[in-house]
Amino acid sequence: MGILLLPLADSVIMTGDVLGYHIDITIGTLIVWGVALLIGLIAEFIVGWRLPYGIFGAFVAGLVGTWLATEVFHFSLPIDYVFHDIPLLKALLGALLLIVLWHLVTYPLWHKRSHRSRRYAAAR
């Protein structure tokens, strides 16, 4: 299905001005957003923890993880699958790293709650 959409990837679906910036949403943009969402959801499933804000959190983790793995940390894998110029395994590793770091940073904040607050939340 992706091969059929590649010639149409530059087709503009929506255009407009937001806060003084001109924005064009193309089929290629929607493909990148869909791949980022899938990568974020798969990374959450592999790690076993969920990010805040549900699907939107997974989407942001997929976008930022893809950006980290491809633009910030330059490393290469011997085997990587590329879809619409997105290296899928590198993007998945970036999203996994981002989710693990998020939980390492936020774990002390929610782990030390008292048993009384947990019982109170469960009773409501």
N, C-alpha and C. Protein backbone atom coordinates (compact mmCIF):
# COMPACT_ATOMS: atom_id res chain seq x y z
N MET A 1 0.81 -1.18 0.00
CA MET A 1 0.00 0.00 0.00
C MET A 1 0.86 1.26 0.00
N GLY A 2 2.00 1.24 0.71
CA GLY A 2 2.87 2.40 0.77
C GLY A 2 3.48 2.72 -0.58
N ILE A 3 3.76 1.70 -1.39
CA ILE A 3 4.35 1.93 -2.70
C ILE A 3 3.37 2.66 -3.60
N LEU A 4 2.08 2.37 -3.45
CA LEU A 4 1.08 3.06 -4.26
C LEU A 4 0.95 4.53 -3.88
N LEU A 5 1.24 4.87 -2.64
CA LEU A 5 1.09 6.24 -2.18
C LEU A 5 2.33 7.09 -2.41
N LEU A 6 3.48 6.48 -2.67
CA LEU A 6 4.72 7.25 -2.81
C LEU A 6 4.67 8.27 -3.94
N PRO A 7 4.13 7.95 -5.14
CA PRO A 7 4.06 9.00 -6.16
C PRO A 7 3.12 10.14 -5.76
N LEU A 8 2.15 9.86 -4.90
CA LEU A 8 1.20 10.88 -4.47
C LEU A 8 1.60 11.56 -3.17
N ALA A 9 2.80 11.26 -2.66
CA ALA A 9 3.20 11.73 -1.33
C ALA A 9 3.27 13.25 -1.24
N ASP A 10 3.47 13.93 -2.34
CA ASP A 10 3.55 15.39 -2.31
C ASP A 10 2.20 16.05 -2.59
N SER A 11 1.15 15.26 -2.70
CA SER A 11 -0.17 15.82 -2.94
C SER A 11 -0.67 16.51 -1.67
N VAL A 12 -1.06 17.76 -1.81
CA VAL A 12 -1.51 18.55 -0.66
C VAL A 12 -2.95 18.19 -0.34
N ILE A 13 -3.18 17.85 0.94
CA ILE A 13 -4.53 17.54 1.40
C ILE A 13 -5.18 18.78 2.00
N MET A 14 -4.40 19.50 2.81
CA MET A 14 -4.94 20.68 3.48
C MET A 14 -3.84 21.74 3.56
N THR A 15 -4.23 22.98 3.42
CA THR A 15 -3.29 24.07 3.52
C THR A 15 -3.94 25.22 4.28
N GLY A 16 -3.11 26.02 4.94
CA GLY A 16 -3.66 27.14 5.69
C GLY A 16 -2.58 27.88 6.45
N ASP A 17 -2.99 28.94 7.12
CA ASP A 17 -2.08 29.75 7.92
C ASP A 17 -2.46 29.60 9.39
N VAL A 18 -1.45 29.31 10.22
CA VAL A 18 -1.65 29.17 11.66
C VAL A 18 -0.61 30.04 12.35
N LEU A 19 -1.08 31.01 13.10
CA LEU A 19 -0.21 31.91 13.86
C LEU A 19 0.88 32.54 12.98
N GLY A 20 0.52 32.89 11.76
CA GLY A 20 1.46 33.54 10.86
C GLY A 20 2.35 32.59 10.08
N TYR A 21 2.21 31.29 10.27
CA TYR A 21 3.00 30.30 9.53
C TYR A 21 2.12 29.60 8.52
N HIS A 22 2.65 29.40 7.32
CA HIS A 22 1.91 28.67 6.29
C HIS A 22 2.18 27.18 6.46
N ILE A 23 1.13 26.38 6.53
CA ILE A 23 1.25 24.95 6.76
C ILE A 23 0.57 24.19 5.63
N ASP A 24 1.28 23.20 5.09
CA ASP A 24 0.73 22.28 4.11
C ASP A 24 0.78 20.88 4.68
N ILE A 25 -0.35 20.19 4.69
CA ILE A 25 -0.39 18.79 5.12
C ILE A 25 -0.53 17.95 3.87
N THR A 26 0.45 17.08 3.64
CA THR A 26 0.46 16.24 2.45
C THR A 26 0.23 14.79 2.84
N ILE A 27 0.08 13.95 1.84
CA ILE A 27 -0.06 12.51 2.10
C ILE A 27 1.21 11.97 2.75
N GLY A 28 2.36 12.49 2.35
CA GLY A 28 3.62 12.08 2.96
C GLY A 28 3.68 12.40 4.44
N THR A 29 3.14 13.56 4.82
CA THR A 29 3.09 13.94 6.23
C THR A 29 2.20 12.96 7.00
N LEU A 30 1.06 12.62 6.44
CA LEU A 30 0.17 11.67 7.10
C LEU A 30 0.79 10.28 7.23
N ILE A 31 1.58 9.88 6.23
CA ILE A 31 2.28 8.59 6.30
C ILE A 31 3.30 8.61 7.43
N VAL A 32 4.07 9.69 7.54
CA VAL A 32 5.06 9.82 8.61
C VAL A 32 4.38 9.80 9.97
N TRP A 33 3.26 10.52 10.11
CA TRP A 33 2.53 10.53 11.38
C TRP A 33 2.00 9.15 11.73
N GLY A 34 1.50 8.41 10.72
CA GLY A 34 1.00 7.06 10.97
C GLY A 34 2.11 6.10 11.40
N VAL A 35 3.26 6.21 10.75
CA VAL A 35 4.39 5.36 11.13
C VAL A 35 4.86 5.71 12.54
N ALA A 36 4.90 6.99 12.88
CA ALA A 36 5.30 7.41 14.23
C ALA A 36 4.33 6.88 15.27
N LEU A 37 3.03 6.90 14.97
CA LEU A 37 2.04 6.37 15.91
C LEU A 37 2.24 4.88 16.12
N LEU A 38 2.43 4.12 15.04
CA LEU A 38 2.66 2.68 15.17
C LEU A 38 3.94 2.37 15.94
N ILE A 39 4.99 3.10 15.66
CA ILE A 39 6.26 2.89 16.37
C ILE A 39 6.11 3.20 17.85
N GLY A 40 5.41 4.27 18.19
CA GLY A 40 5.18 4.61 19.59
C GLY A 40 4.35 3.55 20.31
N LEU A 41 3.31 3.05 19.66
CA LEU A 41 2.48 2.01 20.28
C LEU A 41 3.25 0.70 20.45
N ILE A 42 4.06 0.33 19.46
CA ILE A 42 4.86 -0.90 19.56
C ILE A 42 5.91 -0.75 20.66
N ALA A 43 6.53 0.42 20.77
CA ALA A 43 7.53 0.65 21.82
C ALA A 43 6.89 0.57 23.20
N GLU A 44 5.69 1.14 23.36
CA GLU A 44 5.00 1.03 24.65
C GLU A 44 4.68 -0.42 24.97
N PHE A 45 4.28 -1.19 23.98
CA PHE A 45 3.96 -2.60 24.19
C PHE A 45 5.20 -3.39 24.59
N ILE A 46 6.33 -3.12 23.95
CA ILE A 46 7.57 -3.84 24.26
C ILE A 46 8.05 -3.51 25.66
N VAL A 47 8.03 -2.23 26.03
CA VAL A 47 8.51 -1.82 27.35
C VAL A 47 7.53 -2.28 28.43
N GLY A 48 6.24 -2.27 28.13
CA GLY A 48 5.25 -2.70 29.10
C GLY A 48 4.71 -1.57 29.95
N TRP A 49 5.09 -0.34 29.68
CA TRP A 49 4.62 0.83 30.40
C TRP A 49 3.90 1.74 29.43
N ARG A 50 2.95 2.46 29.93
CA ARG A 50 2.21 3.40 29.10
C ARG A 50 2.64 4.83 29.44
N LEU A 51 2.65 5.65 28.42
CA LEU A 51 2.96 7.06 28.60
C LEU A 51 1.68 7.82 28.93
N PRO A 52 1.81 8.99 29.55
CA PRO A 52 0.62 9.80 29.79
C PRO A 52 -0.02 10.25 28.47
N TYR A 53 -1.29 10.55 28.53
CA TYR A 53 -2.09 11.04 27.40
C TYR A 53 -2.38 9.99 26.35
N GLY A 54 -2.24 8.71 26.67
CA GLY A 54 -2.70 7.63 25.80
C GLY A 54 -2.05 7.60 24.43
N ILE A 55 -2.89 7.61 23.41
CA ILE A 55 -2.40 7.48 22.03
C ILE A 55 -1.58 8.71 21.64
N PHE A 56 -1.97 9.88 22.11
CA PHE A 56 -1.19 11.08 21.79
C PHE A 56 0.21 10.99 22.38
N GLY A 57 0.36 10.43 23.58
CA GLY A 57 1.68 10.23 24.18
C GLY A 57 2.53 9.27 23.37
N ALA A 58 1.89 8.19 22.87
CA ALA A 58 2.61 7.23 22.03
C ALA A 58 3.03 7.89 20.71
N PHE A 59 2.16 8.72 20.16
CA PHE A 59 2.46 9.43 18.92
C PHE A 59 3.66 10.36 19.10
N VAL A 60 3.68 11.12 20.18
CA VAL A 60 4.79 12.03 20.44
C VAL A 60 6.07 11.24 20.69
N ALA A 61 5.98 10.12 21.41
CA ALA A 61 7.16 9.28 21.64
C ALA A 61 7.70 8.73 20.32
N GLY A 62 6.81 8.35 19.42
CA GLY A 62 7.25 7.86 18.11
C GLY A 62 7.92 8.95 17.29
N LEU A 63 7.34 10.15 17.29
CA LEU A 63 7.95 11.27 16.54
C LEU A 63 9.31 11.66 17.11
N VAL A 64 9.35 11.86 18.43
CA VAL A 64 10.60 12.30 19.05
C VAL A 64 11.64 11.18 19.01
N GLY A 65 11.21 9.94 19.21
CA GLY A 65 12.15 8.81 19.13
C GLY A 65 12.73 8.64 17.74
N THR A 66 11.90 8.83 16.72
CA THR A 66 12.40 8.76 15.35
C THR A 66 13.39 9.88 15.09
N TRP A 67 13.08 11.08 15.56
CA TRP A 67 13.99 12.21 15.38
C TRP A 67 15.31 11.98 16.12
N LEU A 68 15.24 11.49 17.36
CA LEU A 68 16.47 11.22 18.12
C LEU A 68 17.35 10.20 17.42
N ALA A 69 16.74 9.13 16.95
CA ALA A 69 17.53 8.04 16.38
C ALA A 69 18.08 8.36 15.00
N THR A 70 17.42 9.24 14.27
CA THR A 70 17.88 9.50 12.90
C THR A 70 18.68 10.79 12.77
N GLU A 71 18.35 11.82 13.55
CA GLU A 71 18.99 13.11 13.38
C GLU A 71 19.98 13.47 14.48
N VAL A 72 19.74 13.03 15.72
CA VAL A 72 20.59 13.43 16.83
C VAL A 72 21.72 12.42 17.04
N PHE A 73 21.36 11.17 17.25
CA PHE A 73 22.35 10.11 17.46
C PHE A 73 22.54 9.38 16.13
N HIS A 74 23.70 9.56 15.54
CA HIS A 74 23.97 8.94 14.24
C HIS A 74 24.64 7.60 14.46
N PHE A 75 23.88 6.54 14.31
CA PHE A 75 24.42 5.19 14.38
C PHE A 75 23.78 4.39 13.26
N SER A 76 24.42 3.29 12.90
CA SER A 76 23.87 2.46 11.83
C SER A 76 23.68 1.05 12.33
N LEU A 77 22.67 0.42 11.80
CA LEU A 77 22.37 -0.97 12.12
C LEU A 77 22.70 -1.82 10.90
N PRO A 78 23.17 -3.05 11.11
CA PRO A 78 23.50 -3.87 9.95
C PRO A 78 22.27 -4.18 9.08
N ILE A 79 21.13 -4.34 9.72
CA ILE A 79 19.89 -4.60 8.98
C ILE A 79 18.86 -3.60 9.48
N ASP A 80 18.29 -2.85 8.58
CA ASP A 80 17.24 -1.91 8.95
C ASP A 80 16.26 -1.81 7.79
N TYR A 81 15.00 -1.79 8.12
CA TYR A 81 13.95 -1.69 7.12
C TYR A 81 13.56 -0.22 6.98
N VAL A 82 13.46 0.24 5.75
CA VAL A 82 13.16 1.65 5.50
C VAL A 82 11.79 1.73 4.82
N PHE A 83 10.93 2.56 5.40
CA PHE A 83 9.61 2.81 4.81
C PHE A 83 9.43 4.31 4.70
N HIS A 84 9.27 4.81 3.49
CA HIS A 84 9.06 6.23 3.22
C HIS A 84 10.16 7.07 3.87
N ASP A 85 11.40 6.66 3.66
CA ASP A 85 12.60 7.32 4.18
C ASP A 85 12.70 7.31 5.70
N ILE A 86 12.00 6.40 6.37
CA ILE A 86 12.08 6.27 7.83
C ILE A 86 12.70 4.91 8.14
N PRO A 87 13.89 4.88 8.74
CA PRO A 87 14.46 3.60 9.17
C PRO A 87 13.68 3.07 10.38
N LEU A 88 12.95 1.99 10.18
CA LEU A 88 11.98 1.55 11.18
C LEU A 88 12.64 1.03 12.46
N LEU A 89 13.71 0.25 12.35
CA LEU A 89 14.33 -0.30 13.56
C LEU A 89 15.04 0.80 14.36
N LYS A 90 15.68 1.73 13.68
CA LYS A 90 16.30 2.86 14.39
C LYS A 90 15.24 3.71 15.08
N ALA A 91 14.12 3.92 14.42
CA ALA A 91 13.04 4.70 15.02
C ALA A 91 12.46 3.98 16.23
N LEU A 92 12.33 2.66 16.13
CA LEU A 92 11.82 1.89 17.26
C LEU A 92 12.78 1.93 18.44
N LEU A 93 14.07 1.84 18.16
CA LEU A 93 15.06 1.96 19.24
C LEU A 93 15.03 3.34 19.89
N GLY A 94 14.85 4.38 19.10
CA GLY A 94 14.75 5.72 19.66
C GLY A 94 13.52 5.89 20.53
N ALA A 95 12.38 5.34 20.09
CA ALA A 95 11.16 5.42 20.89
C ALA A 95 11.29 4.59 22.17
N LEU A 96 11.91 3.42 22.08
CA LEU A 96 12.14 2.61 23.28
C LEU A 96 13.01 3.35 24.28
N LEU A 97 14.07 3.97 23.79
CA LEU A 97 14.95 4.74 24.67
C LEU A 97 14.20 5.88 25.34
N LEU A 98 13.38 6.57 24.58
CA LEU A 98 12.63 7.69 25.13
C LEU A 98 11.64 7.24 26.20
N ILE A 99 10.94 6.13 25.98
CA ILE A 99 9.97 5.64 26.96
C ILE A 99 10.67 5.16 28.22
N VAL A 100 11.78 4.45 28.07
CA VAL A 100 12.52 3.99 29.24
C VAL A 100 13.06 5.17 30.04
N LEU A 101 13.61 6.17 29.37
CA LEU A 101 14.10 7.36 30.07
C LEU A 101 12.97 8.10 30.78
N TRP A 102 11.80 8.19 30.14
CA TRP A 102 10.66 8.85 30.77
C TRP A 102 10.29 8.15 32.08
N HIS A 103 10.25 6.84 32.06
CA HIS A 103 9.86 6.12 33.27
C HIS A 103 10.97 6.12 34.33
N LEU A 104 12.21 6.16 33.92
CA LEU A 104 13.29 6.28 34.89
C LEU A 104 13.23 7.63 35.60
N VAL A 105 12.88 8.68 34.88
CA VAL A 105 12.81 10.01 35.47
C VAL A 105 11.56 10.15 36.35
N THR A 106 10.43 9.62 35.91
CA THR A 106 9.19 9.84 36.64
C THR A 106 8.88 8.75 37.66
N TYR A 107 9.62 7.67 37.70
CA TYR A 107 9.34 6.59 38.64
C TYR A 107 9.35 7.03 40.10
N PRO A 108 10.35 7.83 40.54
CA PRO A 108 10.32 8.26 41.95
C PRO A 108 9.11 9.13 42.29
N LEU A 109 8.53 9.81 41.34
CA LEU A 109 7.40 10.68 41.61
C LEU A 109 6.14 9.92 41.97
N TRP A 110 5.90 8.79 41.29
CA TRP A 110 4.66 8.06 41.56
C TRP A 110 4.87 6.81 42.38
N HIS A 111 6.10 6.37 42.56
CA HIS A 111 6.35 5.14 43.31
C HIS A 111 6.23 5.33 44.82
N LYS A 112 6.55 6.50 45.33
CA LYS A 112 6.61 6.71 46.78
C LYS A 112 5.30 7.19 47.38
N ARG A 113 4.21 7.07 46.66
CA ARG A 113 2.93 7.46 47.25
C ARG A 113 2.58 6.50 48.38
N SER A 114 1.90 6.99 49.36
CA SER A 114 1.57 6.15 50.52
C SER A 114 0.46 5.17 50.16
N HIS A 115 0.35 4.13 50.96
CA HIS A 115 -0.71 3.14 50.75
C HIS A 115 -2.08 3.76 50.98
N ARG A 116 -2.14 4.75 51.86
CA ARG A 116 -3.41 5.40 52.15
C ARG A 116 -3.95 6.10 50.90
N SER A 117 -3.09 6.78 50.13
CA SER A 117 -3.56 7.47 48.93
C SER A 117 -3.98 6.47 47.86
N ARG A 118 -3.34 5.31 47.80
CA ARG A 118 -3.75 4.30 46.83
C ARG A 118 -5.11 3.73 47.20
N ARG A 119 -5.34 3.48 48.49
CA ARG A 119 -6.64 2.95 48.91
C ARG A 119 -7.73 3.98 48.68
N TYR A 120 -7.41 5.25 48.93
CA TYR A 120 -8.39 6.29 48.72
C TYR A 120 -8.77 6.39 47.25
N ALA A 121 -7.79 6.28 46.37
CA ALA A 121 -8.06 6.34 44.93
C ALA A 121 -8.84 5.13 44.47
N ALA A 122 -8.58 3.96 45.05
CA ALA A 122 -9.30 2.75 44.65
C ALA A 122 -10.72 2.75 45.18
N ALA A 123 -10.97 3.41 46.31
CA ALA A 123 -12.31 3.42 46.90
C ALA A 123 -13.25 4.34 46.15
N ARG A 124 -12.72 5.33 45.44
CA ARG A 124 -13.59 6.27 44.73
C ARG A 124 -14.21 5.68 43.54
